[in-house]
Amino acid sequence: MLIYLGPVYGTVYGMVQEKEQRSKESMRMMGMGDLSYWLSWFAYYSIQSTVITLIGWAVLCINVCKYGSAGYIFLYMWLFGESIMGQIVFY
């Protein structure tokens, strides 16, 4: 769970900076919709989360889980990382 602390901090910090600079309102005046805005944040976080999941998964599979299914372990870790994005948005 601690490996996702960095992307969470970066994403929340970026959202707060964007809110302070009122750039979302500026982009909305230029014609950008809400869906595009949230998809960009989701893509930003998903890329970070996927990279961190791959690193954590590789370390875990090499050192700890030699007899478990690697696909299930990756899926579990990746879905956990993506669920944190939902908590960031709805908190």
PDB file of N, CA and C in Angstrom:
ATOM      1  N   MET A   1       0.822  -1.186   0.000  1.00  0.00           N
ATOM      2  CA  MET A   1       0.000   0.000   0.000  1.00  0.00           C
ATOM      3  C   MET A   1       0.867   1.252   0.000  1.00  0.00           C
ATOM      4  N   LEU A   2       2.010   1.191   0.589  1.00  0.00           N
ATOM      5  CA  LEU A   2       2.867   2.364   0.668  1.00  0.00           C
ATOM      6  C   LEU A   2       3.496   2.732  -0.674  1.00  0.00           C
ATOM      7  N   ILE A   3       3.560   1.777  -1.609  1.00  0.00           N
ATOM      8  CA  ILE A   3       4.187   2.104  -2.893  1.00  0.00           C
ATOM      9  C   ILE A   3       3.340   3.082  -3.705  1.00  0.00           C
ATOM     10  N   TYR A   4       2.059   3.195  -3.388  1.00  0.00           N
ATOM     11  CA  TYR A   4       1.189   4.110  -4.125  1.00  0.00           C
ATOM     12  C   TYR A   4       1.124   5.489  -3.501  1.00  0.00           C
ATOM     13  N   LEU A   5       1.867   5.706  -2.436  1.00  0.00           N
ATOM     14  CA  LEU A   5       1.831   6.991  -1.745  1.00  0.00           C
ATOM     15  C   LEU A   5       2.391   8.124  -2.618  1.00  0.00           C
ATOM     16  N   GLY A   6       3.430   7.847  -3.386  1.00  0.00           N
ATOM     17  CA  GLY A   6       4.023   8.866  -4.260  1.00  0.00           C
ATOM     18  C   GLY A   6       3.073   9.372  -5.330  1.00  0.00           C
ATOM     19  N   PRO A   7       2.472   8.472  -6.126  1.00  0.00           N
ATOM     20  CA  PRO A   7       1.519   8.957  -7.139  1.00  0.00           C
ATOM     21  C   PRO A   7       0.301   9.647  -6.547  1.00  0.00           C
ATOM     22  N   VAL A   8      -0.156   9.189  -5.398  1.00  0.00           N
ATOM     23  CA  VAL A   8      -1.306   9.832  -4.758  1.00  0.00           C
ATOM     24  C   VAL A   8      -0.944  11.253  -4.368  1.00  0.00           C
ATOM     25  N   TYR A   9       0.214  11.422  -3.754  1.00  0.00           N
ATOM     26  CA  TYR A   9       0.657  12.756  -3.363  1.00  0.00           C
ATOM     27  C   TYR A   9       0.799  13.659  -4.589  1.00  0.00           C
ATOM     28  N   GLY A  10       1.439  13.147  -5.640  1.00  0.00           N
ATOM     29  CA  GLY A  10       1.631  13.948  -6.850  1.00  0.00           C
ATOM     30  C   GLY A  10       0.323  14.337  -7.512  1.00  0.00           C
ATOM     31  N   THR A  11      -0.627  13.409  -7.565  1.00  0.00           N
ATOM     32  CA  THR A  11      -1.911  13.698  -8.202  1.00  0.00           C
ATOM     33  C   THR A  11      -2.718  14.703  -7.393  1.00  0.00           C
ATOM     34  N   VAL A  12      -2.776  14.520  -6.097  1.00  0.00           N
ATOM     35  CA  VAL A  12      -3.527  15.464  -5.248  1.00  0.00           C
ATOM     36  C   VAL A  12      -2.873  16.835  -5.298  1.00  0.00           C
ATOM     37  N   TYR A  13      -1.546  16.881  -5.245  1.00  0.00           N
ATOM     38  CA  TYR A  13      -0.840  18.159  -5.317  1.00  0.00           C
ATOM     39  C   TYR A  13      -1.126  18.857  -6.647  1.00  0.00           C
ATOM     40  N   GLY A  14      -1.112  18.095  -7.753  1.00  0.00           N
ATOM     41  CA  GLY A  14      -1.407  18.680  -9.054  1.00  0.00           C
ATOM     42  C   GLY A  14      -2.821  19.208  -9.154  1.00  0.00           C
ATOM     43  N   MET A  15      -3.781  18.481  -8.587  1.00  0.00           N
ATOM     44  CA  MET A  15      -5.170  18.937  -8.610  1.00  0.00           C
ATOM     45  C   MET A  15      -5.353  20.206  -7.781  1.00  0.00           C
ATOM     46  N   VAL A  16      -4.686  20.275  -6.647  1.00  0.00           N
ATOM     47  CA  VAL A  16      -4.787  21.470  -5.798  1.00  0.00           C
ATOM     48  C   VAL A  16      -4.143  22.662  -6.492  1.00  0.00           C
ATOM     49  N   GLN A  17      -2.983  22.462  -7.105  1.00  0.00           N
ATOM     50  CA  GLN A  17      -2.322  23.551  -7.848  1.00  0.00           C
ATOM     51  C   GLN A  17      -3.208  24.035  -8.987  1.00  0.00           C
ATOM     52  N   GLU A  18      -3.837  23.103  -9.683  1.00  0.00           N
ATOM     53  CA  GLU A  18      -4.716  23.477 -10.787  1.00  0.00           C
ATOM     54  C   GLU A  18      -5.924  24.259 -10.283  1.00  0.00           C
ATOM     55  N   LYS A  19      -6.436  23.872  -9.130  1.00  0.00           N
ATOM     56  CA  LYS A  19      -7.586  24.589  -8.558  1.00  0.00           C
ATOM     57  C   LYS A  19      -7.185  25.998  -8.122  1.00  0.00           C
ATOM     58  N   GLU A  20      -5.985  26.130  -7.543  1.00  0.00           N
ATOM     59  CA  GLU A  20      -5.526  27.446  -7.119  1.00  0.00           C
ATOM     60  C   GLU A  20      -5.292  28.375  -8.300  1.00  0.00           C
ATOM     61  N   GLN A  21      -4.804  27.835  -9.405  1.00  0.00           N
ATOM     62  CA  GLN A  21      -4.517  28.652 -10.579  1.00  0.00           C
ATOM     63  C   GLN A  21      -5.748  28.869 -11.456  1.00  0.00           C
ATOM     64  N   ARG A  22      -6.826  28.200 -11.111  1.00  0.00           N
ATOM     65  CA  ARG A  22      -8.088  28.294 -11.844  1.00  0.00           C
ATOM     66  C   ARG A  22      -7.937  27.955 -13.329  1.00  0.00           C
ATOM     67  N   SER A  23      -7.061  27.018 -13.612  1.00  0.00           N
ATOM     68  CA  SER A  23      -6.855  26.647 -15.012  1.00  0.00           C
ATOM     69  C   SER A  23      -7.992  25.773 -15.535  1.00  0.00           C
ATOM     70  N   LYS A  24      -8.694  25.053 -14.647  1.00  0.00           N
ATOM     71  CA  LYS A  24      -9.837  24.252 -15.103  1.00  0.00           C
ATOM     72  C   LYS A  24     -10.922  25.159 -15.673  1.00  0.00           C
ATOM     73  N   GLU A  25     -11.168  26.273 -14.995  1.00  0.00           N
ATOM     74  CA  GLU A  25     -12.179  27.206 -15.495  1.00  0.00           C
ATOM     75  C   GLU A  25     -11.743  27.828 -16.819  1.00  0.00           C
ATOM     76  N   SER A  26     -10.456  28.104 -16.949  1.00  0.00           N
ATOM     77  CA  SER A  26      -9.944  28.655 -18.211  1.00  0.00           C
ATOM     78  C   SER A  26     -10.095  27.657 -19.344  1.00  0.00           C
ATOM     79  N   MET A  27      -9.787  26.404 -19.061  1.00  0.00           N
ATOM     80  CA  MET A  27      -9.944  25.376 -20.092  1.00  0.00           C
ATOM     81  C   MET A  27     -11.408  25.156 -20.444  1.00  0.00           C
ATOM     82  N   ARG A  28     -12.286  25.285 -19.454  1.00  0.00           N
ATOM     83  CA  ARG A  28     -13.716  25.140 -19.724  1.00  0.00           C
ATOM     84  C   ARG A  28     -14.210  26.276 -20.619  1.00  0.00           C
ATOM     85  N   MET A  29     -13.691  27.511 -20.408  1.00  0.00           N
ATOM     86  CA  MET A  29     -14.073  28.640 -21.256  1.00  0.00           C
ATOM     87  C   MET A  29     -13.593  28.449 -22.690  1.00  0.00           C
ATOM     88  N   MET A  30     -12.479  27.720 -22.856  1.00  0.00           N
ATOM     89  CA  MET A  30     -11.960  27.457 -24.194  1.00  0.00           C
ATOM     90  C   MET A  30     -12.657  26.286 -24.874  1.00  0.00           C
ATOM     91  N   GLY A  31     -13.556  25.605 -24.165  1.00  0.00           N
ATOM     92  CA  GLY A  31     -14.349  24.567 -24.797  1.00  0.00           C
ATOM     93  C   GLY A  31     -14.036  23.148 -24.356  1.00  0.00           C
ATOM     94  N   MET A  32     -13.156  22.961 -23.392  1.00  0.00           N
ATOM     95  CA  MET A  32     -12.852  21.610 -22.934  1.00  0.00           C
ATOM     96  C   MET A  32     -13.949  21.135 -21.996  1.00  0.00           C
ATOM     97  N   GLY A  33     -14.406  19.925 -22.211  1.00  0.00           N
ATOM     98  CA  GLY A  33     -15.462  19.374 -21.375  1.00  0.00           C
ATOM     99  C   GLY A  33     -14.930  18.714 -20.113  1.00  0.00           C
ATOM    100  N   ASP A  34     -15.855  18.398 -19.220  1.00  0.00           N
ATOM    101  CA  ASP A  34     -15.475  17.755 -17.964  1.00  0.00           C
ATOM    102  C   ASP A  34     -14.919  16.356 -18.183  1.00  0.00           C
ATOM    103  N   LEU A  35     -15.473  15.628 -19.157  1.00  0.00           N
ATOM    104  CA  LEU A  35     -14.996  14.274 -19.431  1.00  0.00           C
ATOM    105  C   LEU A  35     -13.533  14.279 -19.848  1.00  0.00           C
ATOM    106  N   SER A  36     -13.151  15.200 -20.697  1.00  0.00           N
ATOM    107  CA  SER A  36     -11.756  15.308 -21.134  1.00  0.00           C
ATOM    108  C   SER A  36     -10.845  15.644 -19.965  1.00  0.00           C
ATOM    109  N   TYR A  37     -11.300  16.507 -19.105  1.00  0.00           N
ATOM    110  CA  TYR A  37     -10.518  16.907 -17.943  1.00  0.00           C
ATOM    111  C   TYR A  37     -10.244  15.718 -17.038  1.00  0.00           C
ATOM    112  N   TRP A  38     -11.290  14.977 -16.677  1.00  0.00           N
ATOM    113  CA  TRP A  38     -11.109  13.857 -15.757  1.00  0.00           C
ATOM    114  C   TRP A  38     -10.392  12.687 -16.411  1.00  0.00           C
ATOM    115  N   LEU A  39     -10.592  12.482 -17.709  1.00  0.00           N
ATOM    116  CA  LEU A  39      -9.846  11.420 -18.398  1.00  0.00           C
ATOM    117  C   LEU A  39      -8.356  11.723 -18.450  1.00  0.00           C
ATOM    118  N   SER A  40      -8.008  13.002 -18.547  1.00  0.00           N
ATOM    119  CA  SER A  40      -6.583  13.343 -18.546  1.00  0.00           C
ATOM    120  C   SER A  40      -5.957  13.045 -17.193  1.00  0.00           C
ATOM    121  N   TRP A  41      -6.660  13.336 -16.103  1.00  0.00           N
ATOM    122  CA  TRP A  41      -6.137  13.012 -14.780  1.00  0.00           C
ATOM    123  C   TRP A  41      -6.079  11.505 -14.570  1.00  0.00           C
ATOM    124  N   PHE A  42      -7.083  10.801 -15.069  1.00  0.00           N
ATOM    125  CA  PHE A  42      -7.081   9.341 -14.938  1.00  0.00           C
ATOM    126  C   PHE A  42      -5.927   8.725 -15.718  1.00  0.00           C
ATOM    127  N   ALA A  43      -5.668   9.226 -16.921  1.00  0.00           N
ATOM    128  CA  ALA A  43      -4.547   8.704 -17.720  1.00  0.00           C
ATOM    129  C   ALA A  43      -3.216   9.014 -17.048  1.00  0.00           C
ATOM    130  N   TYR A  44      -3.077  10.204 -16.510  1.00  0.00           N
ATOM    131  CA  TYR A  44      -1.851  10.595 -15.804  1.00  0.00           C
ATOM    132  C   TYR A  44      -1.590   9.668 -14.623  1.00  0.00           C
ATOM    133  N   TYR A  45      -2.607   9.437 -13.811  1.00  0.00           N
ATOM    134  CA  TYR A  45      -2.439   8.575 -12.648  1.00  0.00           C
ATOM    135  C   TYR A  45      -2.261   7.117 -13.055  1.00  0.00           C
ATOM    136  N   SER A  46      -2.981   6.668 -14.082  1.00  0.00           N
ATOM    137  CA  SER A  46      -2.894   5.267 -14.506  1.00  0.00           C
ATOM    138  C   SER A  46      -1.509   4.914 -15.006  1.00  0.00           C
ATOM    139  N   ILE A  47      -0.878   5.810 -15.707  1.00  0.00           N
ATOM    140  CA  ILE A  47       0.484   5.547 -16.187  1.00  0.00           C
ATOM    141  C   ILE A  47       1.429   5.405 -15.007  1.00  0.00           C
ATOM    142  N   GLN A  48       1.339   6.312 -14.059  1.00  0.00           N
ATOM    143  CA  GLN A  48       2.188   6.223 -12.867  1.00  0.00           C
ATOM    144  C   GLN A  48       1.893   4.956 -12.073  1.00  0.00           C
ATOM    145  N   SER A  49       0.638   4.651 -11.899  1.00  0.00           N
ATOM    146  CA  SER A  49       0.243   3.480 -11.127  1.00  0.00           C
ATOM    147  C   SER A  49       0.697   2.188 -11.802  1.00  0.00           C
ATOM    148  N   THR A  50       0.604   2.135 -13.118  1.00  0.00           N
ATOM    149  CA  THR A  50       1.014   0.930 -13.843  1.00  0.00           C
ATOM    150  C   THR A  50       2.512   0.703 -13.735  1.00  0.00           C
ATOM    151  N   VAL A  51       3.293   1.738 -13.845  1.00  0.00           N
ATOM    152  CA  VAL A  51       4.749   1.603 -13.719  1.00  0.00           C
ATOM    153  C   VAL A  51       5.123   1.129 -12.318  1.00  0.00           C
ATOM    154  N   ILE A  52       4.523   1.727 -11.318  1.00  0.00           N
ATOM    155  CA  ILE A  52       4.823   1.330  -9.943  1.00  0.00           C
ATOM    156  C   ILE A  52       4.339  -0.096  -9.682  1.00  0.00           C
ATOM    157  N   THR A  53       3.190  -0.468 -10.227  1.00  0.00           N
ATOM    158  CA  THR A  53       2.695  -1.826 -10.066  1.00  0.00           C
ATOM    159  C   THR A  53       3.631  -2.828 -10.726  1.00  0.00           C
ATOM    160  N   LEU A  54       4.130  -2.506 -11.903  1.00  0.00           N
ATOM    161  CA  LEU A  54       5.065  -3.418 -12.578  1.00  0.00           C
ATOM    162  C   LEU A  54       6.338  -3.618 -11.767  1.00  0.00           C
ATOM    163  N   ILE A  55       6.866  -2.562 -11.198  1.00  0.00           N
ATOM    164  CA  ILE A  55       8.081  -2.672 -10.381  1.00  0.00           C
ATOM    165  C   ILE A  55       7.802  -3.492  -9.121  1.00  0.00           C
ATOM    166  N   GLY A  56       6.730  -3.175  -8.427  1.00  0.00           N
ATOM    167  CA  GLY A  56       6.377  -3.920  -7.215  1.00  0.00           C
ATOM    168  C   GLY A  56       6.050  -5.368  -7.500  1.00  0.00           C
ATOM    169  N   TRP A  57       5.363  -5.619  -8.606  1.00  0.00           N
ATOM    170  CA  TRP A  57       5.009  -6.975  -9.011  1.00  0.00           C
ATOM    171  C   TRP A  57       6.249  -7.798  -9.326  1.00  0.00           C
ATOM    172  N   ALA A  58       7.205  -7.195 -10.021  1.00  0.00           N
ATOM    173  CA  ALA A  58       8.441  -7.916 -10.366  1.00  0.00           C
ATOM    174  C   ALA A  58       9.217  -8.286  -9.108  1.00  0.00           C
ATOM    175  N   VAL A  59       9.332  -7.360  -8.189  1.00  0.00           N
ATOM    176  CA  VAL A  59      10.050  -7.648  -6.943  1.00  0.00           C
ATOM    177  C   VAL A  59       9.317  -8.719  -6.140  1.00  0.00           C
ATOM    178  N   LEU A  60       8.006  -8.620  -6.087  1.00  0.00           N
ATOM    179  CA  LEU A  60       7.225  -9.577  -5.331  1.00  0.00           C
ATOM    180  C   LEU A  60       7.290 -10.974  -5.942  1.00  0.00           C
ATOM    181  N   CYS A  61       7.204 -11.070  -7.250  1.00  0.00           N
ATOM    182  CA  CYS A  61       7.239 -12.377  -7.909  1.00  0.00           C
ATOM    183  C   CYS A  61       8.615 -13.025  -7.834  1.00  0.00           C
ATOM    184  N   ILE A  62       9.658 -12.245  -7.925  1.00  0.00           N
ATOM    185  CA  ILE A  62      11.008 -12.802  -7.886  1.00  0.00           C
ATOM    186  C   ILE A  62      11.353 -13.290  -6.486  1.00  0.00           C
ATOM    187  N   ASN A  63      11.010 -12.508  -5.486  1.00  0.00           N
ATOM    188  CA  ASN A  63      11.470 -12.803  -4.137  1.00  0.00           C
ATOM    189  C   ASN A  63      10.469 -13.530  -3.248  1.00  0.00           C
ATOM    190  N   VAL A  64       9.186 -13.360  -3.471  1.00  0.00           N
ATOM    191  CA  VAL A  64       8.221 -13.850  -2.493  1.00  0.00           C
ATOM    192  C   VAL A  64       7.316 -14.949  -3.055  1.00  0.00           C
ATOM    193  N   CYS A  65       6.625 -14.669  -4.125  1.00  0.00           N
ATOM    194  CA  CYS A  65       5.567 -15.557  -4.626  1.00  0.00           C
ATOM    195  C   CYS A  65       6.056 -16.405  -5.791  1.00  0.00           C
ATOM    196  N   LYS A  66       6.799 -17.425  -5.513  1.00  0.00           N
ATOM    197  CA  LYS A  66       7.308 -18.286  -6.582  1.00  0.00           C
ATOM    198  C   LYS A  66       6.254 -19.276  -7.058  1.00  0.00           C
ATOM    199  N   TYR A  67       5.297 -19.608  -6.222  1.00  0.00           N
ATOM    200  CA  TYR A  67       4.323 -20.630  -6.560  1.00  0.00           C
ATOM    201  C   TYR A  67       2.926 -20.076  -6.832  1.00  0.00           C
ATOM    202  N   GLY A  68       2.733 -18.802  -6.741  1.00  0.00           N
ATOM    203  CA  GLY A  68       1.437 -18.198  -7.001  1.00  0.00           C
ATOM    204  C   GLY A  68       1.290 -17.818  -8.468  1.00  0.00           C
ATOM    205  N   SER A  69       0.097 -17.471  -8.858  1.00  0.00           N
ATOM    206  CA  SER A  69      -0.174 -17.046 -10.220  1.00  0.00           C
ATOM    207  C   SER A  69       0.234 -15.579 -10.382  1.00  0.00           C
ATOM    208  N   ALA A  70       1.189 -15.340 -11.250  1.00  0.00           N
ATOM    209  CA  ALA A  70       1.716 -13.984 -11.427  1.00  0.00           C
ATOM    210  C   ALA A  70       0.661 -13.040 -12.001  1.00  0.00           C
ATOM    211  N   GLY A  71      -0.192 -13.547 -12.853  1.00  0.00           N
ATOM    212  CA  GLY A  71      -1.236 -12.712 -13.444  1.00  0.00           C
ATOM    213  C   GLY A  71      -2.222 -12.192 -12.421  1.00  0.00           C
ATOM    214  N   TYR A  72      -2.631 -13.056 -11.508  1.00  0.00           N
ATOM    215  CA  TYR A  72      -3.565 -12.639 -10.463  1.00  0.00           C
ATOM    216  C   TYR A  72      -2.933 -11.635  -9.511  1.00  0.00           C
ATOM    217  N   ILE A  73      -1.673 -11.847  -9.215  1.00  0.00           N
ATOM    218  CA  ILE A  73      -0.977 -10.909  -8.325  1.00  0.00           C
ATOM    219  C   ILE A  73      -0.894  -9.533  -8.973  1.00  0.00           C
ATOM    220  N   PHE A  74      -0.523  -9.485 -10.267  1.00  0.00           N
ATOM    221  CA  PHE A  74      -0.458  -8.206 -10.972  1.00  0.00           C
ATOM    222  C   PHE A  74      -1.825  -7.544 -11.033  1.00  0.00           C
ATOM    223  N   LEU A  75      -2.852  -8.330 -11.381  1.00  0.00           N
ATOM    224  CA  LEU A  75      -4.199  -7.775 -11.492  1.00  0.00           C
ATOM    225  C   LEU A  75      -4.677  -7.198 -10.161  1.00  0.00           C
ATOM    226  N   TYR A  76      -4.433  -7.914  -9.084  1.00  0.00           N
ATOM    227  CA  TYR A  76      -4.838  -7.442  -7.763  1.00  0.00           C
ATOM    228  C   TYR A  76      -4.133  -6.132  -7.413  1.00  0.00           C
ATOM    229  N   MET A  77      -2.818  -6.074  -7.645  1.00  0.00           N
ATOM    230  CA  MET A  77      -2.066  -4.862  -7.314  1.00  0.00           C
ATOM    231  C   MET A  77      -2.493  -3.693  -8.196  1.00  0.00           C
ATOM    232  N   TRP A  78      -2.704  -3.945  -9.489  1.00  0.00           N
ATOM    233  CA  TRP A  78      -3.075  -2.873 -10.410  1.00  0.00           C
ATOM    234  C   TRP A  78      -4.470  -2.336 -10.102  1.00  0.00           C
ATOM    235  N   LEU A  79      -5.411  -3.228  -9.835  1.00  0.00           N
ATOM    236  CA  LEU A  79      -6.766  -2.778  -9.503  1.00  0.00           C
ATOM    237  C   LEU A  79      -6.800  -2.012  -8.186  1.00  0.00           C
ATOM    238  N   PHE A  80      -5.963  -2.418  -7.241  1.00  0.00           N
ATOM    239  CA  PHE A  80      -5.874  -1.662  -5.989  1.00  0.00           C
ATOM    240  C   PHE A  80      -5.365  -0.253  -6.261  1.00  0.00           C
ATOM    241  N   GLY A  81      -4.332  -0.135  -7.095  1.00  0.00           N
ATOM    242  CA  GLY A  81      -3.799   1.179  -7.438  1.00  0.00           C
ATOM    243  C   GLY A  81      -4.818   2.048  -8.155  1.00  0.00           C
ATOM    244  N   GLU A  82      -5.603   1.441  -9.040  1.00  0.00           N
ATOM    245  CA  GLU A  82      -6.614   2.209  -9.764  1.00  0.00           C
ATOM    246  C   GLU A  82      -7.775   2.604  -8.861  1.00  0.00           C
ATOM    247  N   SER A  83      -8.096   1.783  -7.872  1.00  0.00           N
ATOM    248  CA  SER A  83      -9.183   2.141  -6.961  1.00  0.00           C
ATOM    249  C   SER A  83      -8.818   3.353  -6.114  1.00  0.00           C
ATOM    250  N   ILE A  84      -7.531   3.572  -5.901  1.00  0.00           N
ATOM    251  CA  ILE A  84      -7.105   4.745  -5.144  1.00  0.00           C
ATOM    252  C   ILE A  84      -7.457   6.018  -5.907  1.00  0.00           C
ATOM    253  N   MET A  85      -7.412   5.966  -7.248  1.00  0.00           N
ATOM    254  CA  MET A  85      -7.801   7.136  -8.046  1.00  0.00           C
ATOM    255  C   MET A  85      -9.262   7.504  -7.784  1.00  0.00           C
ATOM    256  N   GLY A  86     -10.103   6.507  -7.657  1.00  0.00           N
ATOM    257  CA  GLY A  86     -11.501   6.781  -7.321  1.00  0.00           C
ATOM    258  C   GLY A  86     -11.647   7.430  -5.962  1.00  0.00           C
ATOM    259  N   GLN A  87     -10.821   7.017  -5.020  1.00  0.00           N
ATOM    260  CA  GLN A  87     -10.861   7.635  -3.705  1.00  0.00           C
ATOM    261  C   GLN A  87     -10.351   9.077  -3.757  1.00  0.00           C
ATOM    262  N   ILE A  88      -9.378   9.344  -4.607  1.00  0.00           N
ATOM    263  CA  ILE A  88      -8.880  10.717  -4.749  1.00  0.00           C
ATOM    264  C   ILE A  88      -9.986  11.614  -5.305  1.00  0.00           C
ATOM    265  N   VAL A  89     -10.669  11.138  -6.315  1.00  0.00           N
ATOM    266  CA  VAL A  89     -11.683  11.963  -6.994  1.00  0.00           C
ATOM    267  C   VAL A  89     -12.892  12.198  -6.113  1.00  0.00           C
ATOM    268  N   PHE A  90     -13.352  11.156  -5.426  1.00  0.00           N
ATOM    269  CA  PHE A  90     -14.589  11.281  -4.663  1.00  0.00           C
ATOM    270  C   PHE A  90     -14.402  11.697  -3.223  1.00  0.00           C
ATOM    271  N   TYR A  91     -13.176  11.962  -2.814  1.00  0.00           N
ATOM    272  CA  TYR A  91     -12.948  12.373  -1.434  1.00  0.00           C
ATOM    273  C   TYR A  91     -13.129  13.820  -1.268  1.00  0.00           C
TER     274      TYR A  91
END
